């Protein structure tokens, strides 16, 4: 028997990389917070700028629309010009747009600056995730790094209203934008020192027509889904989705014909890229659909103030944090698909608990349900991202990251549109057949539209009519929550089954090194495509030596 041969383990990340991760985590948290930070600022903003109802919707939504629309283009652009360079350009643009948004003097100016924030955010988001692929080569360390990234991305949407409420207690509405400026200044100062540069030196020019088509396709579908969520099935939302899908099909057709496509469709030929993204998208979908109900249930059904509701929502973010920490430990001994499937089964149990909630159920049970739900989806989001981005060649990590984040944005919108629309349909059906007598037609119409409209209408009614209306509409909303939770439970159960079957042969526990027996042929370890030479010479890790760009 010959001796066992131990292959070299991937290089370990050092102090510089972990500090660099902290620098990347802050803008990731901020990008997610900016999606929801304006929720509590609407009354002050409306009194100051006096936007129309249409303008107010654009102020709230255009940031997320444009960030989703530009992700694919910016991820591929980062592969071509350098991910760190694009990150720093985006940081400067995001900081400047934040200052302009904070001191906007009209609704039109705020819409324009929010649009600039969305485009700048699209340059930051894929760059942060792609740089992790360059900085962390050890699989165990990369899982931990992506876990931090996922926690920041997920927690930001929950922390946004809480941070906004705290600032609005002492400052004007524009202060919610100023928190981005010091974060971007830190990134501009520390980025050139702590972050490596990496680009695909053999990439061609960006195809502008493909870039425009990707933006139109994503914007059309996202806008349509949000319109359906807000107003139900109608011509505007349906036409937007159909038009976006049609442009998306033309985009895919064009990419197949180009010698140097904007989006390398070959990414989807790897066995784990597409399935991993699909399972990850399912986790984001059920989480965003749940978030649609959580804030309304706490404020409008249970009667909590916005700040107290934000505090009760903190366990939802805490579940992601705990889930990420547990994932980093368990993955050392258990295969990735098993961990992902187990997480989905935990979420299935959490949704079953939420499906049993009533208007007077202990609020602790509701919080326990959302905590377990987010705890269960955390490993799916983390390992799904790692499997997808890690399966791409290093020179295409930016494109893979942008596709992954675009899937997340689609799942966020689809979760609100699909799960939210189902819950809303149940609510309207329940209210229509149970309105108490004596409710005026206008109040009845508002109450049938949304629970928020019902609360406002009840405040204007005298006697016991208002209380009776609230009792009916709160029960109807809770019924919608129960139905939505039941559907989510079925979805994650099916997702667990798919994960454990389709991805069963992928990945494994994380040993420190790979050992070969004498019977194995003497071949190099399979470490994926060879990485291109880093932009900066003189250091193997791609960090600047004596000079920087």
Protein backbone atom coordinates (compact mmCIF):
# COMPACT_ATOMS: atom_id res chain seq x y z
CA UNK A 1 0.00 0.00 0.00
CA UNK A 2 1.40 3.37 -0.96
CA UNK A 3 1.23 6.43 1.17
CA UNK A 4 -1.75 8.77 0.97
CA UNK A 5 -1.20 12.00 -0.91
CA UNK A 6 -2.71 15.22 0.41
CA UNK A 7 -3.50 17.94 -2.09
CA UNK A 8 -3.01 21.57 -1.21
CA UNK A 9 -5.98 23.23 0.44
CA UNK A 10 -7.33 26.48 -1.04
CA UNK A 11 -5.59 29.59 0.35
CA UNK A 12 -7.10 30.94 3.54
CA UNK A 13 -8.34 34.50 3.82
CA UNK A 14 -6.44 36.70 6.26
CA UNK A 15 -7.15 39.77 8.32
CA UNK A 16 -7.23 42.05 5.27
CA UNK A 17 -9.98 40.00 3.62
CA UNK A 18 -12.16 39.89 6.74
CA UNK A 19 -11.84 43.64 7.26
CA UNK A 20 -12.66 44.04 3.58
CA UNK A 21 -15.79 41.93 4.14
CA UNK A 22 -16.91 44.37 6.84
CA UNK A 23 -16.41 47.24 4.39
CA UNK A 24 -18.54 45.40 1.78
CA UNK A 25 -21.22 44.46 4.32
CA UNK A 26 -22.12 48.07 5.15
CA UNK A 27 -23.19 49.16 1.64
CA UNK A 28 -25.06 45.85 1.23
CA UNK A 29 -27.06 46.63 4.38
CA UNK A 30 -27.64 50.19 3.20
CA UNK A 31 -28.85 49.14 -0.26
CA UNK A 32 -31.51 46.92 1.29
CA UNK A 33 -32.48 49.52 3.89
CA UNK A 34 -33.12 52.12 1.19
CA UNK A 35 -35.89 49.91 -0.20
CA UNK A 36 -37.98 50.42 2.95
CA UNK A 37 -36.51 53.38 4.86
CA UNK A 38 -39.12 55.80 3.46
CA UNK A 39 -42.16 53.88 4.73
CA UNK A 40 -42.53 55.94 7.91
CA UNK A 41 -41.42 59.22 6.29
CA UNK A 42 -44.42 59.44 3.96
CA UNK A 43 -46.55 61.75 6.19
CA UNK A 44 -43.74 64.31 6.69
CA UNK A 45 -42.61 64.05 3.09
CA UNK A 46 -46.16 64.53 1.81
CA UNK A 47 -46.71 67.61 3.99
CA UNK A 48 -43.45 69.19 2.81
CA UNK A 49 -43.30 68.37 -0.93
CA UNK A 50 -47.04 67.80 -1.51
CA UNK A 51 -46.63 65.06 -4.15
CA UNK A 52 -49.61 63.69 -6.04
CA UNK A 53 -50.63 60.10 -5.38
CA UNK A 54 -48.87 58.98 -8.58
CA UNK A 55 -45.72 60.91 -7.65
CA UNK A 56 -45.71 59.37 -4.18
CA UNK A 57 -45.84 55.87 -5.67
CA UNK A 58 -42.88 56.69 -7.93
CA UNK A 59 -40.93 58.11 -4.99
CA UNK A 60 -41.39 54.84 -3.14
CA UNK A 61 -40.86 52.43 -6.04
CA UNK A 62 -38.45 53.89 -8.58
CA UNK A 63 -35.35 53.05 -6.50
CA UNK A 64 -36.12 49.33 -6.50
CA UNK A 65 -37.29 49.38 -10.13
CA UNK A 66 -34.07 50.85 -11.52
CA UNK A 67 -31.76 48.86 -9.27
CA UNK A 68 -33.39 45.64 -10.49
CA UNK A 69 -33.35 46.82 -14.11
CA UNK A 70 -29.65 47.69 -14.24
CA UNK A 71 -28.26 44.71 -12.30
CA UNK A 72 -27.46 42.49 -15.28
CA UNK A 73 -25.76 45.27 -17.21
CA UNK A 74 -23.72 46.49 -14.22
CA UNK A 75 -22.62 42.99 -13.21
CA UNK A 76 -21.23 42.33 -16.69
CA UNK A 77 -19.70 45.82 -16.83
CA UNK A 78 -17.84 45.10 -13.59
CA UNK A 79 -16.30 41.98 -15.16
CA UNK A 80 -15.01 44.15 -17.99
CA UNK A 81 -13.75 47.34 -16.31
CA UNK A 82 -12.97 45.90 -12.86
CA UNK A 83 -15.27 45.12 -9.96
CA UNK A 84 -13.51 47.35 -7.45
CA UNK A 85 -13.44 50.25 -9.91
CA UNK A 86 -17.17 49.93 -10.58
CA UNK A 87 -17.82 49.61 -6.83
CA UNK A 88 -16.00 52.86 -6.09
CA UNK A 89 -17.70 54.69 -8.95
CA UNK A 90 -21.05 53.51 -7.61
CA UNK A 91 -20.14 54.56 -4.06
CA UNK A 92 -19.35 58.11 -5.19
CA UNK A 93 -22.58 58.30 -7.19
CA UNK A 94 -24.66 56.84 -4.35
CA UNK A 95 -23.25 59.30 -1.82
CA UNK A 96 -23.89 62.29 -4.09
CA UNK A 97 -27.43 61.13 -4.92
CA UNK A 98 -28.16 60.59 -1.21
CA UNK A 99 -27.23 64.19 -0.43
CA UNK A 100 -29.39 65.48 -3.29
CA UNK A 101 -32.33 63.32 -2.18
CA UNK A 102 -32.07 64.54 1.43
CA UNK A 103 -32.37 68.17 0.37
CA UNK A 104 -34.89 67.76 -2.45
CA UNK A 105 -37.16 70.75 -2.86
CA UNK A 106 -39.86 69.17 -5.03
CA UNK A 107 -41.45 65.82 -5.69
CA UNK A 108 -39.93 65.74 -9.17
CA UNK A 109 -36.44 66.29 -7.76
CA UNK A 110 -36.90 63.50 -5.22
CA UNK A 111 -38.10 61.09 -7.92
CA UNK A 112 -35.03 61.92 -10.04
CA UNK A 113 -32.59 61.49 -7.16
CA UNK A 114 -34.22 58.22 -6.10
CA UNK A 115 -33.76 57.04 -9.69
CA UNK A 116 -30.05 57.93 -9.51
CA UNK A 117 -29.82 56.04 -6.21
CA UNK A 118 -31.29 52.97 -7.90
CA UNK A 119 -28.80 53.06 -10.77
CA UNK A 120 -25.91 53.62 -8.36
CA UNK A 121 -27.19 50.76 -6.21
CA UNK A 122 -27.09 48.49 -9.25
CA UNK A 123 -23.36 49.18 -9.59
CA UNK A 124 -22.74 48.37 -5.92
CA UNK A 125 -24.82 45.23 -5.45
CA UNK A 126 -23.19 42.75 -7.90
CA UNK A 127 -19.72 44.14 -7.20
CA UNK A 128 -19.94 43.39 -3.48
CA UNK A 129 -21.01 39.79 -4.06
CA UNK A 130 -18.56 39.15 -6.91
CA UNK A 131 -15.62 40.46 -4.88
CA UNK A 132 -16.35 37.86 -2.22
CA UNK A 133 -15.66 35.20 -4.87
CA UNK A 134 -12.25 36.79 -5.45
CA UNK A 135 -11.38 37.36 -1.79
CA UNK A 136 -12.46 34.03 -0.27
CA UNK A 137 -11.18 30.88 -2.02
CA UNK A 138 -11.64 28.48 0.89
CA UNK A 139 -15.19 27.03 0.62
CA UNK A 140 -15.85 27.17 4.37
CA UNK A 141 -14.71 30.77 4.62
CA UNK A 142 -16.67 31.70 1.49
CA UNK A 143 -19.83 30.23 3.01
CA UNK A 144 -19.30 32.38 6.11
CA UNK A 145 -18.65 35.48 3.97
CA UNK A 146 -21.75 34.94 1.84
CA UNK A 147 -23.66 34.35 5.07
CA UNK A 148 -22.65 37.81 6.29
CA UNK A 149 -23.66 39.28 2.93
CA UNK A 150 -27.04 37.52 3.04
CA UNK A 151 -27.72 38.63 6.61
CA UNK A 152 -27.05 42.25 5.66
CA UNK A 153 -29.20 42.03 2.53
CA UNK A 154 -32.11 40.39 4.39
CA UNK A 155 -31.89 42.40 7.60
CA UNK A 156 -31.76 45.74 5.79
CA UNK A 157 -35.39 45.59 4.66
CA UNK A 158 -36.47 44.94 8.26
CA UNK A 159 -34.14 47.54 9.79
CA UNK A 160 -35.12 50.23 7.26
CA UNK A 161 -38.43 51.22 8.89
CA UNK A 162 -36.87 50.97 12.37
CA UNK A 163 -33.97 53.27 11.42
CA UNK A 164 -36.36 55.62 9.66
CA UNK A 165 -38.64 55.81 12.68
CA UNK A 166 -35.71 56.58 15.00
CA UNK A 167 -34.40 59.38 12.76
CA UNK A 168 -37.85 60.87 12.17
CA UNK A 169 -38.34 61.18 15.92
CA UNK A 170 -35.61 63.87 15.99
CA UNK A 171 -34.94 65.10 12.43
CA UNK A 172 -36.71 65.97 9.17
CA UNK A 173 -37.66 63.39 6.54
CA UNK A 174 -34.50 63.94 4.47
CA UNK A 175 -32.33 62.62 7.30
CA UNK A 176 -33.17 59.04 6.29
CA UNK A 177 -30.97 59.52 3.19
CA UNK A 178 -27.98 61.01 5.00
CA UNK A 179 -27.04 57.73 6.67
CA UNK A 180 -25.69 56.59 3.31
CA UNK A 181 -23.05 59.31 3.01
CA UNK A 182 -20.61 58.20 5.76
CA UNK A 183 -20.92 54.57 4.62
CA UNK A 184 -19.96 55.52 1.06
CA UNK A 185 -17.11 57.73 2.27
CA UNK A 186 -15.74 54.79 4.26
CA UNK A 187 -15.98 52.59 1.18
CA UNK A 188 -14.16 55.17 -0.96
CA UNK A 189 -11.34 55.48 1.58
CA UNK A 190 -10.93 51.83 2.56
CA UNK A 191 -11.83 50.17 -0.74
CA UNK A 192 -8.56 50.87 -2.63
CA UNK A 193 -6.55 49.54 0.32
CA UNK A 194 -8.59 46.50 1.42
CA UNK A 195 -10.31 45.23 -1.73
CA UNK A 196 -8.63 43.46 -4.65
CA UNK A 197 -9.20 44.48 -8.25
CA UNK A 198 -10.37 41.80 -10.66
CA UNK A 199 -11.59 41.90 -14.23
CA UNK A 200 -11.86 39.71 -17.28
CA UNK A 201 -9.07 41.09 -19.47
CA UNK A 202 -10.29 39.13 -22.52
CA UNK A 203 -13.84 40.51 -22.43
CA UNK A 204 -15.11 42.55 -25.35
CA UNK A 205 -17.16 45.71 -25.43
CA UNK A 206 -20.56 46.01 -23.76
CA UNK A 207 -23.41 45.56 -26.25
CA UNK A 208 -25.53 48.65 -25.63
CA UNK A 209 -28.65 47.25 -27.31
CA UNK A 210 -28.51 44.16 -25.09
CA UNK A 211 -28.03 46.40 -22.05
CA UNK A 212 -31.11 48.45 -22.98
CA UNK A 213 -33.16 45.29 -23.61
CA UNK A 214 -32.20 43.82 -20.22
CA UNK A 215 -33.29 47.02 -18.46
CA UNK A 216 -36.63 47.18 -20.30
CA UNK A 217 -37.35 43.49 -19.70
CA UNK A 218 -36.69 43.59 -15.97
CA UNK A 219 -38.43 46.94 -15.44
CA UNK A 220 -41.51 45.77 -17.33
CA UNK A 221 -41.93 42.57 -15.33
CA UNK A 222 -41.17 44.15 -11.94
CA UNK A 223 -43.50 47.10 -12.59
CA UNK A 224 -46.27 44.76 -13.75
CA UNK A 225 -45.96 42.53 -10.68
CA UNK A 226 -46.11 45.52 -8.34
CA UNK A 227 -49.16 46.88 -10.19
CA UNK A 228 -50.92 43.52 -9.85
CA UNK A 229 -50.07 43.43 -6.14
CA UNK A 230 -51.49 46.92 -5.61
CA UNK A 231 -54.57 46.87 -7.88
CA UNK A 232 -55.23 43.23 -8.75
CA UNK A 233 -55.29 41.77 -12.25
CA UNK A 234 -55.75 44.61 -14.72
CA UNK A 235 -54.65 45.61 -18.22
CA UNK A 236 -51.75 47.78 -17.04
CA UNK A 237 -50.06 45.14 -14.93
CA UNK A 238 -50.70 42.28 -17.35
CA UNK A 239 -49.45 44.23 -20.38
CA UNK A 240 -46.31 45.31 -18.48
CA UNK A 241 -45.49 41.72 -17.52
CA UNK A 242 -46.21 40.35 -21.01
CA UNK A 243 -44.20 43.14 -22.65
CA UNK A 244 -41.29 42.61 -20.28
CA UNK A 245 -41.29 38.86 -20.91
CA UNK A 246 -41.39 39.44 -24.69
CA UNK A 247 -38.40 41.78 -24.55
CA UNK A 248 -36.66 39.28 -22.26
CA UNK A 249 -37.19 36.51 -24.85
CA UNK A 250 -35.67 38.74 -27.55
CA UNK A 251 -32.78 39.49 -25.19
CA UNK A 252 -32.07 35.77 -24.74
CA UNK A 253 -32.28 35.22 -28.52
CA UNK A 254 -29.80 38.03 -29.11
CA UNK A 255 -27.36 36.69 -26.51
CA UNK A 256 -27.27 33.33 -28.31
CA UNK A 257 -26.24 35.05 -31.57
CA UNK A 258 -23.58 37.40 -30.19
CA UNK A 259 -19.93 36.38 -30.13
CA UNK A 260 -19.46 38.41 -26.93
CA UNK A 261 -22.87 38.45 -25.18
CA UNK A 262 -23.82 40.72 -22.33
CA UNK A 263 -25.11 37.68 -20.41
CA UNK A 264 -23.26 34.41 -20.84
CA UNK A 265 -26.09 31.86 -21.06
CA UNK A 266 -23.46 29.16 -20.64
CA UNK A 267 -23.70 29.88 -16.90
CA UNK A 268 -26.97 27.94 -16.90
CA UNK A 269 -25.32 24.89 -18.44
CA UNK A 270 -23.56 24.04 -15.18
CA UNK A 271 -25.54 21.42 -13.23
CA UNK A 272 -25.99 23.50 -10.09
CA UNK A 273 -26.32 27.13 -11.30
CA UNK A 274 -29.98 27.10 -12.41
CA UNK A 275 -31.40 24.77 -9.72
CA UNK A 276 -29.53 26.62 -6.95
CA UNK A 277 -30.92 29.96 -8.14
CA UNK A 278 -34.42 28.52 -8.38
CA UNK A 279 -34.42 27.18 -4.82
CA UNK A 280 -32.88 30.43 -3.54
CA UNK A 281 -35.56 32.41 -5.39
CA UNK A 282 -38.26 30.32 -3.73
CA UNK A 283 -36.84 31.16 -0.30
CA UNK A 284 -36.81 34.89 -1.10
CA UNK A 285 -40.34 34.67 -2.54
CA UNK A 286 -41.93 33.18 0.57
CA UNK A 287 -39.98 35.54 2.85
CA UNK A 288 -41.04 38.67 0.93
CA UNK A 289 -44.62 37.44 0.72
CA UNK A 290 -44.63 36.99 4.49
CA UNK A 291 -43.10 40.44 5.04
CA UNK A 292 -46.06 41.91 3.12
CA UNK A 293 -48.38 40.69 5.90
CA UNK A 294 -46.15 41.08 8.96
CA UNK A 295 -46.08 44.89 9.23
CA UNK A 296 -49.82 45.20 8.52
CA UNK A 297 -50.75 42.49 11.02
CA UNK A 298 -48.71 44.10 13.79
CA UNK A 299 -49.90 47.67 13.16
CA UNK A 300 -53.43 47.33 11.77
CA UNK A 301 -54.66 44.10 13.38
CA UNK A 302 -52.80 44.24 16.70
CA UNK A 303 -52.80 48.06 16.91
CA UNK A 304 -49.07 48.61 17.55
CA UNK A 305 -47.34 51.90 16.79
CA UNK A 306 -44.85 51.91 13.87
CA UNK A 307 -41.87 51.95 16.25
CA UNK A 308 -43.21 49.09 18.40
CA UNK A 309 -44.09 47.13 15.28
CA UNK A 310 -40.55 47.65 14.02
CA UNK A 311 -39.17 46.30 17.31
CA UNK A 312 -41.44 43.23 17.11
CA UNK A 313 -40.18 42.67 13.56
CA UNK A 314 -36.57 42.45 14.76
CA UNK A 315 -36.79 38.68 15.45
CA UNK A 316 -37.38 38.23 11.72
CA UNK A 317 -33.94 39.73 11.04
CA UNK A 318 -32.51 37.87 14.04
CA UNK A 319 -33.68 34.58 12.53
CA UNK A 320 -31.53 35.21 9.45
CA UNK A 321 -28.51 36.02 11.66
CA UNK A 322 -28.91 32.86 13.76
CA UNK A 323 -29.61 30.77 10.68
CA UNK A 324 -26.43 32.03 9.02
CA UNK A 325 -24.34 31.22 12.10
CA UNK A 326 -25.80 27.71 12.37
CA UNK A 327 -25.26 27.12 8.65
CA UNK A 328 -21.57 27.99 8.91
CA UNK A 329 -21.16 25.32 11.62
CA UNK A 330 -23.39 22.57 10.24
CA UNK A 331 -21.99 22.72 6.71
CA UNK A 332 -18.72 21.28 8.00
CA UNK A 333 -20.40 17.91 8.55
CA UNK A 334 -23.51 17.89 6.35
CA UNK A 335 -23.94 18.23 2.59
CA UNK A 336 -25.30 21.55 1.29
CA UNK A 337 -28.56 20.13 -0.22
CA UNK A 338 -29.39 18.41 3.09
CA UNK A 339 -28.89 21.65 5.01
CA UNK A 340 -31.01 23.57 2.48
CA UNK A 341 -33.76 20.94 2.55
CA UNK A 342 -33.80 20.90 6.35
CA UNK A 343 -34.08 24.68 6.41
CA UNK A 344 -37.08 24.57 4.08
CA UNK A 345 -38.75 21.98 6.31
CA UNK A 346 -38.24 24.26 9.35
CA UNK A 347 -39.88 27.07 7.36
CA UNK A 348 -42.73 24.73 6.46
CA UNK A 349 -43.42 24.19 10.18
CA UNK A 350 -43.24 27.95 10.77
CA UNK A 351 -45.79 28.63 8.03
CA UNK A 352 -48.08 25.99 9.51
CA UNK A 353 -47.92 27.90 12.81
CA UNK A 354 -48.70 31.19 11.03
CA UNK A 355 -51.64 29.55 9.26
CA UNK A 356 -53.26 28.98 12.68
CA UNK A 357 -53.01 32.61 13.85
CA UNK A 358 -56.13 34.52 14.88
CA UNK A 359 -56.73 38.20 15.63
CA UNK A 360 -56.32 37.58 19.36
CA UNK A 361 -53.57 34.92 19.30
CA UNK A 362 -50.57 35.63 21.55
CA UNK A 363 -48.25 37.93 19.66
CA UNK A 364 -45.30 35.87 20.89
CA UNK A 365 -46.51 32.96 18.77
CA UNK A 366 -46.64 35.18 15.70
CA UNK A 367 -43.11 36.43 16.33
CA UNK A 368 -41.93 32.84 16.90
CA UNK A 369 -43.41 31.91 13.54
CA UNK A 370 -41.65 34.64 11.59
CA UNK A 371 -38.39 33.94 13.46
CA UNK A 372 -38.47 30.24 12.54
CA UNK A 373 -39.44 31.11 8.97
CA UNK A 374 -36.43 33.41 8.48
CA UNK A 375 -34.18 30.96 10.35
CA UNK A 376 -35.20 28.23 7.90
CA UNK A 377 -34.73 30.23 4.69
CA UNK A 378 -31.31 31.58 5.76
CA UNK A 379 -29.31 28.46 4.76
CA UNK A 380 -31.23 28.27 1.48
CA UNK A 381 -30.34 31.85 0.57
CA UNK A 382 -26.72 31.51 1.68
CA UNK A 383 -25.93 28.14 0.13
CA UNK A 384 -28.00 28.83 -2.98
CA UNK A 385 -25.92 31.94 -3.61
CA UNK A 386 -22.69 30.10 -2.91
CA UNK A 387 -23.55 27.20 -5.21
CA UNK A 388 -24.55 29.56 -8.02
CA UNK A 389 -21.73 32.11 -7.78
CA UNK A 390 -19.13 29.48 -6.87
CA UNK A 391 -20.01 27.42 -9.95
CA UNK A 392 -19.16 30.29 -12.30
CA UNK A 393 -15.62 30.83 -13.59
CA UNK A 394 -13.86 33.61 -11.68
CA UNK A 395 -13.83 35.91 -14.72
CA UNK A 396 -17.65 35.63 -14.92
CA UNK A 397 -18.34 36.04 -11.18
CA UNK A 398 -19.74 39.54 -11.73
CA UNK A 399 -22.22 38.30 -14.32
CA UNK A 400 -23.19 35.35 -12.11
CA UNK A 401 -23.66 37.66 -9.13
CA UNK A 402 -25.84 40.05 -11.12
CA UNK A 403 -28.02 37.17 -12.35
CA UNK A 404 -28.35 35.91 -8.76
CA UNK A 405 -29.36 39.34 -7.49
CA UNK A 406 -31.77 39.82 -10.38
CA UNK A 407 -33.41 36.52 -9.37
CA UNK A 408 -33.65 37.89 -5.83
CA UNK A 409 -35.31 41.09 -7.07
CA UNK A 410 -37.76 39.09 -9.19
CA UNK A 411 -38.53 36.85 -6.23
CA UNK A 412 -39.05 39.88 -3.97
CA UNK A 413 -41.52 41.39 -6.43
CA UNK A 414 -43.22 38.09 -7.21
CA UNK A 415 -43.60 37.27 -3.52
CA UNK A 416 -45.45 40.52 -2.85
CA UNK A 417 -47.44 40.29 -6.11
CA UNK A 418 -48.43 36.62 -5.97
CA UNK A 419 -48.68 35.87 -2.23
CA UNK A 420 -49.91 39.39 -1.48
CA UNK A 421 -52.54 39.25 -4.21
CA UNK A 422 -53.88 35.93 -2.94
CA UNK A 423 -54.14 37.27 0.61
CA UNK A 424 -55.78 40.47 -0.66
CA UNK A 425 -58.31 38.50 -2.72
CA UNK A 426 -59.27 36.46 0.35
CA UNK A 427 -59.56 39.67 2.38
CA UNK A 428 -61.86 41.33 -0.13
CA UNK A 429 -64.02 38.24 -0.46
CA UNK A 430 -64.43 37.93 3.32
CA UNK A 431 -65.20 41.64 3.78
CA UNK A 432 -67.74 41.75 0.96
CA UNK A 433 -70.01 39.22 2.61
CA UNK A 434 -69.64 40.42 6.19
CA UNK A 435 -69.87 44.23 6.20
CA UNK A 436 -71.92 45.40 9.21
CA UNK A 437 -75.12 47.33 8.54
CA UNK A 438 -75.06 51.11 8.57
CA UNK A 439 -71.67 51.55 6.90
CA UNK A 440 -71.79 54.28 4.22
CA UNK A 441 -71.00 53.30 0.63
CA UNK A 442 -67.73 55.29 0.53
CA UNK A 443 -66.50 53.75 3.77
CA UNK A 444 -67.51 50.29 2.59
CA UNK A 445 -65.58 50.76 -0.66
CA UNK A 446 -62.45 51.89 1.23
CA UNK A 447 -62.79 49.00 3.68
CA UNK A 448 -63.06 46.45 0.86
CA UNK A 449 -59.96 47.84 -0.84
CA UNK A 450 -57.36 47.49 1.95
CA UNK A 451 -57.20 47.05 5.71
CA UNK A 452 -55.52 50.45 5.95
CA UNK A 453 -58.55 51.98 4.21
CA UNK A 454 -60.81 50.15 6.64
CA UNK A 455 -58.94 51.58 9.65
CA UNK A 456 -59.21 55.12 8.26
CA UNK A 457 -62.91 54.65 7.47
CA UNK A 458 -63.61 53.28 10.97
CA UNK A 459 -62.12 56.40 12.55
CA UNK A 460 -64.73 58.54 10.78
CA UNK A 461 -67.71 56.43 11.81
CA UNK A 462 -69.66 57.22 14.97
CA UNK A 463 -71.03 54.87 17.59
CA UNK A 464 -70.27 51.18 17.39
CA UNK A 465 -70.16 51.06 13.58
CA UNK A 466 -66.45 51.77 13.52
CA UNK A 467 -65.64 49.00 15.98
CA UNK A 468 -67.85 46.57 14.12
CA UNK A 469 -66.12 47.44 10.83
CA UNK A 470 -62.70 46.95 12.41
CA UNK A 471 -63.68 43.59 13.84
CA UNK A 472 -64.85 42.33 10.45
CA UNK A 473 -61.91 43.65 8.42
CA UNK A 474 -59.26 42.52 10.91
CA UNK A 475 -60.72 39.03 10.90
CA UNK A 476 -60.78 39.09 7.10
CA UNK A 477 -57.13 40.17 6.90
CA UNK A 478 -56.14 37.43 9.33
CA UNK A 479 -57.98 34.93 7.12
CA UNK A 480 -55.92 36.19 4.17
CA UNK A 481 -52.75 35.72 6.23
CA UNK A 482 -53.78 32.15 7.08
CA UNK A 483 -54.38 31.32 3.42
CA UNK A 484 -51.09 32.86 2.31
CA UNK A 485 -49.18 31.00 5.03
CA UNK A 486 -50.78 27.71 3.98
CA UNK A 487 -49.71 28.26 0.37
CA UNK A 488 -46.17 29.13 1.49
CA UNK A 489 -46.05 25.95 3.58
CA UNK A 490 -46.92 23.87 0.51
CA UNK A 491 -44.36 25.72 -1.64
CA UNK A 492 -41.46 25.22 0.76
CA UNK A 493 -42.39 21.56 1.29
CA UNK A 494 -42.22 21.02 -2.48
CA UNK A 495 -38.98 23.04 -2.55
CA UNK A 496 -37.47 20.77 0.10
CA UNK A 497 -38.36 17.71 -1.96
CA UNK A 498 -36.83 19.23 -5.10
CA UNK A 499 -33.70 20.26 -3.21
CA UNK A 500 -33.11 16.80 -1.79
CA UNK A 501 -33.61 15.12 -5.18
CA UNK A 502 -32.30 17.49 -7.88
CA UNK A 503 -29.30 18.74 -5.88
CA UNK A 504 -28.62 15.56 -3.92
CA UNK A 505 -25.27 14.81 -5.63
CA UNK A 506 -23.84 18.29 -5.19
CA UNK A 507 -21.41 19.42 -2.55
CA UNK A 508 -20.38 17.74 0.66
CA UNK A 509 -18.92 18.39 4.10
CA UNK A 510 -16.03 20.83 4.18
CA UNK A 511 -12.74 19.03 4.98
CA UNK A 512 -9.60 21.02 5.49
CA UNK A 513 -7.88 19.19 2.62
CA UNK A 514 -8.66 16.51 0.08
CA UNK A 515 -6.85 13.21 0.35
CA UNK A 516 -6.30 10.75 -2.51
CA UNK A 517 -5.74 7.05 -2.12
CA UNK A 518 -3.04 5.26 -4.16
CA UNK A 519 -5.76 3.70 -6.35
CA UNK A 520 -6.80 7.17 -7.58
CA UNK A 521 -5.00 8.52 -10.65
CA UNK A 522 -2.46 11.20 -9.92
CA UNK A 523 -4.27 14.28 -11.21
CA UNK A 524 -4.65 17.85 -10.02
CA UNK A 525 -7.47 18.71 -7.69
CA UNK A 526 -10.57 19.97 -9.45
CA UNK A 527 -10.64 23.62 -8.55
CA UNK A 528 -12.61 25.05 -11.44
CA UNK A 529 -11.37 27.22 -14.29
CA UNK A 530 -8.05 28.90 -13.84
CA UNK A 531 -8.38 32.47 -12.65
CA UNK A 532 -7.09 35.17 -14.98
CA UNK A 533 -4.10 37.16 -13.86
CA UNK A 534 -5.16 39.83 -11.38
CA UNK A 535 -5.03 43.42 -12.55
CA UNK A 536 -2.30 44.33 -10.09
CA UNK A 537 0.97 42.51 -10.50
CA UNK A 538 3.32 41.69 -7.66
CA UNK A 539 0.84 39.93 -5.37
CA UNK A 540 -0.82 36.57 -5.90
CA UNK A 541 -4.03 37.69 -4.18
CA UNK A 542 -4.68 40.60 -6.49
CA UNK A 543 -4.21 43.28 -3.85
CA UNK A 544 -2.19 46.37 -4.74
CA UNK A 545 1.57 46.14 -4.23
CA UNK A 546 3.60 49.33 -4.55
CA UNK A 547 1.21 51.01 -6.95
CA UNK A 548 -2.54 51.15 -7.47
CA UNK A 549 -4.67 52.05 -10.43
